[in-house]
Amino acid sequence: MIDPIFQTDNYQLARKLLDASVLRQEAIATNIANAETPGFRRIDLAPDFAVQLKARMAAGDFGKTADSIRPQLAADPLARTVRPDGNSVELEHELMAMNRNAVEHDFLSEIVSNNLKRLKLAITGRSM
Protein backbone atom coordinates (compact mmCIF):
# COMPACT_ATOMS: atom_id res chain seq x y z
CA MET A 1 0.00 0.00 0.00
CA ILE A 2 2.74 2.49 0.88
CA ASP A 3 5.31 0.90 -1.44
CA PRO A 4 4.61 3.39 -4.28
CA ILE A 5 5.63 6.22 -1.95
CA PHE A 6 9.06 4.66 -1.53
CA GLN A 7 9.42 4.03 -5.27
CA THR A 8 9.52 7.71 -6.23
CA ASP A 9 12.63 8.81 -8.11
CA ASN A 10 13.61 11.47 -5.56
CA TYR A 11 13.37 9.13 -2.58
CA GLN A 12 15.23 6.31 -4.34
CA LEU A 13 17.94 8.66 -5.60
CA ALA A 14 18.47 10.15 -2.13
CA ARG A 15 18.62 6.65 -0.67
CA LYS A 16 21.21 5.48 -3.22
CA LEU A 17 23.31 8.59 -2.73
CA LEU A 18 23.11 8.10 1.03
CA ASP A 19 24.38 4.52 0.60
CA ALA A 20 27.22 5.88 -1.54
CA SER A 21 28.02 8.53 1.07
CA VAL A 22 28.37 5.89 3.79
CA LEU A 23 30.60 3.78 1.56
CA ARG A 24 32.72 6.82 0.64
CA GLN A 25 33.20 7.56 4.35
CA GLU A 26 34.55 4.03 4.80
CA ALA A 27 36.92 4.59 1.87
CA ILE A 28 38.14 7.88 3.31
CA ALA A 29 38.75 6.27 6.71
CA THR A 30 40.69 3.46 5.03
CA ASN A 31 42.74 5.96 3.04
CA ILE A 32 43.61 7.97 6.15
CA ALA A 33 44.49 4.81 8.08
CA ASN A 34 46.84 3.75 5.29
CA ALA A 35 48.42 7.14 4.61
CA GLU A 36 51.81 5.79 5.74
CA THR A 37 51.51 2.31 4.20
CA PRO A 38 54.08 1.83 1.42
CA GLY A 39 52.48 1.12 -1.95
CA PHE A 40 48.90 1.75 -0.80
CA ARG A 41 46.65 3.04 -3.56
CA ARG A 42 43.85 5.47 -2.67
CA ILE A 43 40.32 4.03 -2.93
CA ASP A 44 37.02 5.74 -3.63
CA LEU A 45 33.64 4.96 -5.15
CA ALA A 46 33.88 3.23 -8.50
CA PRO A 47 33.33 5.84 -11.26
CA ASP A 48 30.70 3.70 -12.98
CA PHE A 49 28.26 4.29 -10.08
CA ALA A 50 27.66 7.91 -11.14
CA VAL A 51 27.38 6.86 -14.79
CA GLN A 52 24.76 4.24 -13.91
CA LEU A 53 22.76 6.72 -11.83
CA LYS A 54 22.72 9.29 -14.63
CA ALA A 55 21.69 6.71 -17.22
CA ARG A 56 18.84 5.36 -15.09
CA MET A 57 17.58 8.85 -14.25
CA ALA A 58 17.66 9.80 -17.93
CA ALA A 59 15.71 6.65 -18.81
CA GLY A 60 12.94 7.77 -16.45
CA ASP A 61 12.41 4.48 -14.61
CA PHE A 62 14.82 5.02 -11.73
CA GLY A 63 12.28 4.43 -8.94
CA LYS A 64 11.57 0.91 -10.14
CA THR A 65 15.13 -0.11 -11.08
CA ALA A 66 17.16 1.58 -8.34
CA ASP A 67 17.78 -1.64 -6.42
CA SER A 68 19.95 -2.98 -9.24
CA ILE A 69 22.51 -0.18 -8.74
CA ARG A 70 24.97 -0.66 -5.90
CA PRO A 71 27.92 1.60 -5.07
CA GLN A 72 31.25 -0.19 -4.87
CA LEU A 73 34.77 0.77 -3.92
CA ALA A 74 37.67 0.69 -6.35
CA ALA A 75 41.19 2.01 -6.61
CA ASP A 76 41.11 5.65 -7.66
CA PRO A 77 42.50 5.75 -11.22
CA LEU A 78 43.14 9.50 -11.00
CA ALA A 79 45.20 9.33 -7.79
CA ARG A 80 48.84 10.11 -8.38
CA THR A 81 51.71 8.73 -6.36
CA VAL A 82 52.73 11.33 -3.81
CA ARG A 83 55.57 9.51 -2.06
CA PRO A 84 58.64 7.64 -3.23
CA ASP A 85 57.24 4.38 -1.79
CA GLY A 86 54.24 4.44 -4.18
CA ASN A 87 51.57 5.60 -1.73
CA SER A 88 48.90 7.76 -3.39
CA VAL A 89 47.11 9.12 -0.30
CA GLU A 90 47.23 12.90 0.22
CA LEU A 91 46.11 13.52 3.78
CA GLU A 92 44.88 17.07 3.09
CA HIS A 93 42.79 15.82 0.18
CA GLU A 94 41.26 13.09 2.35
CA LEU A 95 40.37 15.51 5.13
CA MET A 96 38.67 17.86 2.67
CA ALA A 97 36.82 14.92 1.10
CA MET A 98 35.73 13.80 4.57
CA ASN A 99 34.26 17.24 5.35
CA ARG A 100 32.46 17.45 2.00
CA ASN A 101 31.13 13.92 2.42
CA ALA A 102 29.82 14.77 5.90
CA VAL A 103 27.88 17.74 4.50
CA GLU A 104 26.45 15.61 1.69
CA HIS A 105 25.49 12.87 4.15
CA ASP A 106 23.69 15.37 6.40
CA PHE A 107 21.81 16.82 3.43
CA LEU A 108 20.75 13.40 2.11
CA SER A 109 19.75 12.23 5.60
CA GLU A 110 17.53 15.28 5.90
CA ILE A 111 15.83 14.51 2.57
CA VAL A 112 15.08 10.91 3.54
CA SER A 113 14.02 11.95 7.04
CA ASN A 114 11.64 14.63 5.73
CA ASN A 115 10.07 12.12 3.37
CA LEU A 116 9.37 9.78 6.29
CA LYS A 117 8.07 12.66 8.44
CA ARG A 118 5.57 13.62 5.72
CA LEU A 119 4.41 10.03 5.52
CA LYS A 120 3.90 9.95 9.29
CA LEU A 121 1.99 13.22 9.10
CA ALA A 122 -0.28 11.82 6.38
CA ILE A 123 -0.97 8.68 8.41
CA THR A 124 -1.40 10.14 11.89
CA GLY A 125 -2.39 13.74 11.16
CA ARG A 126 0.26 14.90 13.64
CA SER A 127 3.68 16.28 12.86
CA MET A 128 5.30 15.06 16.06
C-alpha atoms as a PDB file:
ATOM      1  CA  MET A   1       0.000   0.000   0.000  1.00  0.00           C
ATOM      2  CA  ILE A   2       2.743   2.490   0.879  1.00  0.00           C
ATOM      3  CA  ASP A   3       5.309   0.903  -1.440  1.00  0.00           C
ATOM      4  CA  PRO A   4       4.614   3.391  -4.284  1.00  0.00           C
ATOM      5  CA  ILE A   5       5.633   6.217  -1.947  1.00  0.00           C
ATOM      6  CA  PHE A   6       9.060   4.657  -1.525  1.00  0.00           C
ATOM      7  CA  GLN A   7       9.424   4.030  -5.267  1.00  0.00           C
ATOM      8  CA  THR A   8       9.523   7.711  -6.227  1.00  0.00           C
ATOM      9  CA  ASP A   9      12.625   8.807  -8.107  1.00  0.00           C
ATOM     10  CA  ASN A  10      13.609  11.470  -5.560  1.00  0.00           C
ATOM     11  CA  TYR A  11      13.370   9.132  -2.580  1.00  0.00           C
ATOM     12  CA  GLN A  12      15.230   6.315  -4.339  1.00  0.00           C
ATOM     13  CA  LEU A  13      17.939   8.665  -5.599  1.00  0.00           C
ATOM     14  CA  ALA A  14      18.467  10.148  -2.131  1.00  0.00           C
ATOM     15  CA  ARG A  15      18.615   6.651  -0.670  1.00  0.00           C
ATOM     16  CA  LYS A  16      21.206   5.476  -3.218  1.00  0.00           C
ATOM     17  CA  LEU A  17      23.313   8.592  -2.734  1.00  0.00           C
ATOM     18  CA  LEU A  18      23.106   8.099   1.032  1.00  0.00           C
ATOM     19  CA  ASP A  19      24.383   4.524   0.605  1.00  0.00           C
ATOM     20  CA  ALA A  20      27.218   5.875  -1.544  1.00  0.00           C
ATOM     21  CA  SER A  21      28.020   8.533   1.066  1.00  0.00           C
ATOM     22  CA  VAL A  22      28.365   5.889   3.786  1.00  0.00           C
ATOM     23  CA  LEU A  23      30.604   3.782   1.559  1.00  0.00           C
ATOM     24  CA  ARG A  24      32.725   6.818   0.638  1.00  0.00           C
ATOM     25  CA  GLN A  25      33.199   7.556   4.351  1.00  0.00           C
ATOM     26  CA  GLU A  26      34.548   4.028   4.797  1.00  0.00           C
ATOM     27  CA  ALA A  27      36.918   4.586   1.870  1.00  0.00           C
ATOM     28  CA  ILE A  28      38.144   7.882   3.314  1.00  0.00           C
ATOM     29  CA  ALA A  29      38.746   6.268   6.706  1.00  0.00           C
ATOM     30  CA  THR A  30      40.688   3.465   5.031  1.00  0.00           C
ATOM     31  CA  ASN A  31      42.739   5.960   3.045  1.00  0.00           C
ATOM     32  CA  ILE A  32      43.612   7.966   6.152  1.00  0.00           C
ATOM     33  CA  ALA A  33      44.494   4.809   8.083  1.00  0.00           C
ATOM     34  CA  ASN A  34      46.844   3.753   5.285  1.00  0.00           C
ATOM     35  CA  ALA A  35      48.422   7.139   4.608  1.00  0.00           C
ATOM     36  CA  GLU A  36      51.813   5.788   5.740  1.00  0.00           C
ATOM     37  CA  THR A  37      51.511   2.308   4.201  1.00  0.00           C
ATOM     38  CA  PRO A  38      54.077   1.827   1.421  1.00  0.00           C
ATOM     39  CA  GLY A  39      52.476   1.121  -1.953  1.00  0.00           C
ATOM     40  CA  PHE A  40      48.897   1.748  -0.797  1.00  0.00           C
ATOM     41  CA  ARG A  41      46.646   3.038  -3.563  1.00  0.00           C
ATOM     42  CA  ARG A  42      43.850   5.466  -2.673  1.00  0.00           C
ATOM     43  CA  ILE A  43      40.318   4.030  -2.933  1.00  0.00           C
ATOM     44  CA  ASP A  44      37.021   5.739  -3.630  1.00  0.00           C
ATOM     45  CA  LEU A  45      33.638   4.957  -5.151  1.00  0.00           C
ATOM     46  CA  ALA A  46      33.877   3.234  -8.498  1.00  0.00           C
ATOM     47  CA  PRO A  47      33.325   5.840 -11.256  1.00  0.00           C
ATOM     48  CA  ASP A  48      30.700   3.699 -12.977  1.00  0.00           C
ATOM     49  CA  PHE A  49      28.261   4.293 -10.082  1.00  0.00           C
ATOM     50  CA  ALA A  50      27.656   7.906 -11.138  1.00  0.00           C
ATOM     51  CA  VAL A  51      27.380   6.858 -14.788  1.00  0.00           C
ATOM     52  CA  GLN A  52      24.761   4.237 -13.912  1.00  0.00           C
ATOM     53  CA  LEU A  53      22.761   6.724 -11.833  1.00  0.00           C
ATOM     54  CA  LYS A  54      22.717   9.285 -14.628  1.00  0.00           C
ATOM     55  CA  ALA A  55      21.694   6.711 -17.215  1.00  0.00           C
ATOM     56  CA  ARG A  56      18.839   5.360 -15.086  1.00  0.00           C
ATOM     57  CA  MET A  57      17.582   8.848 -14.247  1.00  0.00           C
ATOM     58  CA  ALA A  58      17.659   9.803 -17.934  1.00  0.00           C
ATOM     59  CA  ALA A  59      15.712   6.651 -18.810  1.00  0.00           C
ATOM     60  CA  GLY A  60      12.938   7.774 -16.451  1.00  0.00           C
ATOM     61  CA  ASP A  61      12.414   4.483 -14.610  1.00  0.00           C
ATOM     62  CA  PHE A  62      14.819   5.022 -11.727  1.00  0.00           C
ATOM     63  CA  GLY A  63      12.281   4.427  -8.942  1.00  0.00           C
ATOM     64  CA  LYS A  64      11.568   0.906 -10.145  1.00  0.00           C
ATOM     65  CA  THR A  65      15.127  -0.114 -11.085  1.00  0.00           C
ATOM     66  CA  ALA A  66      17.157   1.577  -8.339  1.00  0.00           C
ATOM     67  CA  ASP A  67      17.779  -1.644  -6.425  1.00  0.00           C
ATOM     68  CA  SER A  68      19.951  -2.983  -9.242  1.00  0.00           C
ATOM     69  CA  ILE A  69      22.511  -0.184  -8.737  1.00  0.00           C
ATOM     70  CA  ARG A  70      24.973  -0.661  -5.905  1.00  0.00           C
ATOM     71  CA  PRO A  71      27.916   1.604  -5.070  1.00  0.00           C
ATOM     72  CA  GLN A  72      31.252  -0.190  -4.865  1.00  0.00           C
ATOM     73  CA  LEU A  73      34.773   0.767  -3.918  1.00  0.00           C
ATOM     74  CA  ALA A  74      37.667   0.687  -6.351  1.00  0.00           C
ATOM     75  CA  ALA A  75      41.192   2.015  -6.608  1.00  0.00           C
ATOM     76  CA  ASP A  76      41.114   5.651  -7.665  1.00  0.00           C
ATOM     77  CA  PRO A  77      42.496   5.751 -11.225  1.00  0.00           C
ATOM     78  CA  LEU A  78      43.140   9.497 -10.995  1.00  0.00           C
ATOM     79  CA  ALA A  79      45.200   9.331  -7.789  1.00  0.00           C
ATOM     80  CA  ARG A  80      48.837  10.107  -8.376  1.00  0.00           C
ATOM     81  CA  THR A  81      51.713   8.726  -6.360  1.00  0.00           C
ATOM     82  CA  VAL A  82      52.735  11.331  -3.806  1.00  0.00           C
ATOM     83  CA  ARG A  83      55.573   9.514  -2.058  1.00  0.00           C
ATOM     84  CA  PRO A  84      58.644   7.637  -3.232  1.00  0.00           C
ATOM     85  CA  ASP A  85      57.241   4.378  -1.791  1.00  0.00           C
ATOM     86  CA  GLY A  86      54.240   4.443  -4.185  1.00  0.00           C
ATOM     87  CA  ASN A  87      51.573   5.595  -1.726  1.00  0.00           C
ATOM     88  CA  SER A  88      48.896   7.758  -3.393  1.00  0.00           C
ATOM     89  CA  VAL A  89      47.106   9.125  -0.305  1.00  0.00           C
ATOM     90  CA  GLU A  90      47.231  12.897   0.217  1.00  0.00           C
ATOM     91  CA  LEU A  91      46.110  13.518   3.780  1.00  0.00           C
ATOM     92  CA  GLU A  92      44.883  17.066   3.094  1.00  0.00           C
ATOM     93  CA  HIS A  93      42.793  15.824   0.176  1.00  0.00           C
ATOM     94  CA  GLU A  94      41.258  13.090   2.345  1.00  0.00           C
ATOM     95  CA  LEU A  95      40.374  15.514   5.133  1.00  0.00           C
ATOM     96  CA  MET A  96      38.669  17.857   2.668  1.00  0.00           C
ATOM     97  CA  ALA A  97      36.821  14.916   1.100  1.00  0.00           C
ATOM     98  CA  MET A  98      35.727  13.802   4.571  1.00  0.00           C
ATOM     99  CA  ASN A  99      34.263  17.236   5.350  1.00  0.00           C
ATOM    100  CA  ARG A 100      32.463  17.448   2.001  1.00  0.00           C
ATOM    101  CA  ASN A 101      31.128  13.920   2.421  1.00  0.00           C
ATOM    102  CA  ALA A 102      29.819  14.768   5.903  1.00  0.00           C
ATOM    103  CA  VAL A 103      27.880  17.743   4.500  1.00  0.00           C
ATOM    104  CA  GLU A 104      26.452  15.610   1.686  1.00  0.00           C
ATOM    105  CA  HIS A 105      25.486  12.875   4.152  1.00  0.00           C
ATOM    106  CA  ASP A 106      23.693  15.369   6.402  1.00  0.00           C
ATOM    107  CA  PHE A 107      21.806  16.815   3.426  1.00  0.00           C
ATOM    108  CA  LEU A 108      20.746  13.402   2.113  1.00  0.00           C
ATOM    109  CA  SER A 109      19.751  12.228   5.595  1.00  0.00           C
ATOM    110  CA  GLU A 110      17.534  15.277   5.901  1.00  0.00           C
ATOM    111  CA  ILE A 111      15.828  14.512   2.573  1.00  0.00           C
ATOM    112  CA  VAL A 112      15.080  10.907   3.543  1.00  0.00           C
ATOM    113  CA  SER A 113      14.018  11.950   7.042  1.00  0.00           C
ATOM    114  CA  ASN A 114      11.642  14.628   5.734  1.00  0.00           C
ATOM    115  CA  ASN A 115      10.069  12.117   3.374  1.00  0.00           C
ATOM    116  CA  LEU A 116       9.369   9.781   6.295  1.00  0.00           C
ATOM    117  CA  LYS A 117       8.069  12.655   8.440  1.00  0.00           C
ATOM    118  CA  ARG A 118       5.574  13.616   5.718  1.00  0.00           C
ATOM    119  CA  LEU A 119       4.409  10.027   5.515  1.00  0.00           C
ATOM    120  CA  LYS A 120       3.902   9.947   9.294  1.00  0.00           C
ATOM    121  CA  LEU A 121       1.987  13.218   9.100  1.00  0.00           C
ATOM    122  CA  ALA A 122      -0.276  11.821   6.379  1.00  0.00           C
ATOM    123  CA  ILE A 123      -0.966   8.679   8.407  1.00  0.00           C
ATOM    124  CA  THR A 124      -1.405  10.144  11.893  1.00  0.00           C
ATOM    125  CA  GLY A 125      -2.385  13.744  11.156  1.00  0.00           C
ATOM    126  CA  ARG A 126       0.260  14.898  13.643  1.00  0.00           C
ATOM    127  CA  SER A 127       3.682  16.277  12.858  1.00  0.00           C
ATOM    128  CA  MET A 128       5.302  15.056  16.061  1.00  0.00           C
END
